[in-house]
Structures are given as structure tokens and as C-alpha cells.
């Protein structure tokens, strides 16, 4: 992985397939409970969830790590009702005075 990575929340397609299988199992089980309850359909939903969990284990779902890009925190904050520009800054008049955003590395300063 390069140092220029900007992060992604997309995940791998194989991970999305496993999550979709689990979601379908929950939908089948939920519909079964709402329509009856229809216990056979409910247990079919549980079986689909188990298949999805096995699929997630096979594709290593939990190793599908998403790295966030460094956050850019604006130093000038606008609290006006209609979103018009203002000169308000964090900390009041004696607060921060930078006119452009400052990028922070979450590994070095995890809380901004």
C-alpha cells in the first residue's frame, strides 16, 4: 500500500457478497416472524445467515480493513443560521487565525 492512499469505504466485492447473504437471511427471518410466525421459513433464514457467516469467514471479511485519509479540519467555523460567510473562528476572537484548512494525521493526533 502506498503512502499516498486516500482511503476508501468501499470494501472488496467478495466482502459485500458475504454481507448481502447475511442481510438476505435477516430479511427472510424477519418476514417469517411478521407473517405468522412461519417457523420453517424463520429457520431457513437462520440457515442463510449461517451460510453468509461461513462465506464471510472464507473471504476474510474482518481483514477487509478500511483506511481513512487524513482529515482536513476547517479552522474558520460558520455558525450562522442561513450559512452566510462570517469571520467567526474557533475559540472566539483570540482563537485560531489560519485562513486555510490544516490537514492532521489521525495516527499522530487521533482526536483532531
Protein backbone atom coordinates (compact mmCIF):
# COMPACT_ATOMS: atom_id res chain seq x y z
CA UNK A 1 0.00 0.00 0.00
CA UNK A 2 1.41 3.38 -0.93
CA UNK A 3 1.81 6.34 1.39
CA UNK A 4 -0.43 8.32 -0.96
CA UNK A 5 -3.52 6.23 -0.18
CA UNK A 6 -6.60 8.35 0.37
CA UNK A 7 -8.63 5.59 2.00
CA UNK A 8 -11.86 4.01 0.88
CA UNK A 9 -15.09 2.86 2.43
CA UNK A 10 -15.96 0.62 -0.50
CA UNK A 11 -14.64 -2.74 0.71
CA UNK A 12 -13.92 -5.71 -1.51
CA UNK A 13 -16.68 -7.18 -3.71
CA UNK A 14 -16.30 -10.57 -2.00
CA UNK A 15 -16.96 -8.91 1.36
CA UNK A 16 -20.09 -7.25 0.00
CA UNK A 17 -21.35 -10.61 -1.29
CA UNK A 18 -20.95 -12.14 2.18
CA UNK A 19 -22.70 -9.20 3.83
CA UNK A 20 -25.53 -9.38 1.26
CA UNK A 21 -26.06 -13.09 2.01
CA UNK A 22 -26.28 -12.34 5.74
CA UNK A 23 -28.69 -9.44 5.07
CA UNK A 24 -30.94 -11.67 2.93
CA UNK A 25 -31.02 -14.20 5.78
CA UNK A 26 -32.16 -11.50 8.21
CA UNK A 27 -34.85 -10.34 5.77
CA UNK A 28 -36.16 -13.90 5.29
CA UNK A 29 -36.22 -14.49 9.06
CA UNK A 30 -37.86 -11.14 9.74
CA UNK A 31 -40.57 -11.69 7.13
CA UNK A 32 -41.18 -15.15 8.58
CA UNK A 33 -41.70 -13.72 12.07
CA UNK A 34 -44.02 -10.99 10.79
CA UNK A 35 -46.15 -13.37 8.70
CA UNK A 36 -47.22 -15.92 11.19
CA UNK A 37 -44.72 -16.71 12.67
CA UNK A 38 -43.72 -19.20 10.00
CA UNK A 39 -41.10 -21.22 11.83
CA UNK A 40 -39.81 -23.20 8.86
CA UNK A 41 -39.17 -20.00 6.91
CA UNK A 42 -37.56 -18.49 10.02
CA UNK A 43 -35.12 -21.40 10.30
CA UNK A 44 -34.39 -21.15 6.56
CA UNK A 45 -33.41 -17.52 7.25
CA UNK A 46 -31.16 -18.66 10.09
CA UNK A 47 -29.56 -21.17 7.71
CA UNK A 48 -28.94 -18.42 5.16
CA UNK A 49 -27.29 -16.32 7.88
CA UNK A 50 -25.03 -19.24 8.80
CA UNK A 51 -24.09 -19.65 5.11
CA UNK A 52 -23.30 -15.93 4.99
CA UNK A 53 -21.13 -16.22 8.09
CA UNK A 54 -19.26 -19.11 6.52
CA UNK A 55 -18.82 -17.05 3.34
CA UNK A 56 -17.51 -14.12 5.40
CA UNK A 57 -15.03 -16.44 7.07
CA UNK A 58 -13.94 -17.81 3.67
CA UNK A 59 -13.33 -14.36 2.16
CA UNK A 60 -11.72 -12.98 5.35
CA UNK A 61 -14.34 -10.28 5.85
CA UNK A 62 -12.78 -8.92 9.03
CA UNK A 63 -9.40 -8.40 7.38
CA UNK A 64 -11.04 -6.04 4.89
CA UNK A 65 -9.57 -3.01 6.62
CA UNK A 66 -10.65 0.45 5.55
CA UNK A 67 -8.05 3.17 6.00
CA UNK A 68 -9.30 6.71 6.38
CA UNK A 69 -7.49 9.53 4.71
CA UNK A 70 -6.10 12.27 6.94
CA UNK A 71 -8.88 14.62 7.92
CA UNK A 72 -8.91 18.25 6.87
CA UNK A 73 -10.40 20.36 9.63
CA UNK A 74 -11.54 23.85 8.65
CA UNK A 75 -10.24 26.49 11.00
CA UNK A 76 -12.91 29.09 10.19
CA UNK A 77 -16.26 27.95 11.56
CA UNK A 78 -19.57 29.41 10.44
CA UNK A 79 -22.46 29.05 12.88
CA UNK A 80 -24.90 31.39 11.16
CA UNK A 81 -28.47 30.23 10.62
CA UNK A 82 -28.55 30.63 6.84
CA UNK A 83 -24.96 29.64 6.08
CA UNK A 84 -23.65 33.08 5.14
CA UNK A 85 -19.94 33.79 5.50
CA UNK A 86 -18.77 35.13 8.82
CA UNK A 87 -15.44 35.86 10.47
CA UNK A 88 -16.14 33.62 13.47
CA UNK A 89 -13.28 31.38 14.47
CA UNK A 90 -12.85 28.57 16.95
CA UNK A 91 -12.06 29.99 20.37
CA UNK A 92 -13.55 33.43 19.66
CA UNK A 93 -11.54 36.47 18.59
CA UNK A 94 -8.41 35.17 20.34
CA UNK A 95 -8.78 31.73 18.73
CA UNK A 96 -7.20 30.16 15.70
CA UNK A 97 -6.27 32.56 12.95
CA UNK A 98 -5.39 30.34 9.98
CA UNK A 99 -7.25 31.17 6.76
CA UNK A 100 -6.91 27.73 5.19
CA UNK A 101 -7.64 24.19 6.44
CA UNK A 102 -4.96 22.26 8.25
CA UNK A 103 -4.54 18.56 7.48
CA UNK A 104 -3.97 16.41 10.54
CA UNK A 105 -2.72 12.86 10.60
CA UNK A 106 -5.08 10.68 12.74
CA UNK A 107 -2.14 8.42 13.67
CA UNK A 108 -0.30 11.35 15.29
CA UNK A 109 -3.29 13.30 16.66
CA UNK A 110 -6.24 10.88 16.89
CA UNK A 111 -8.65 13.41 18.41
CA UNK A 112 -8.10 16.26 15.97
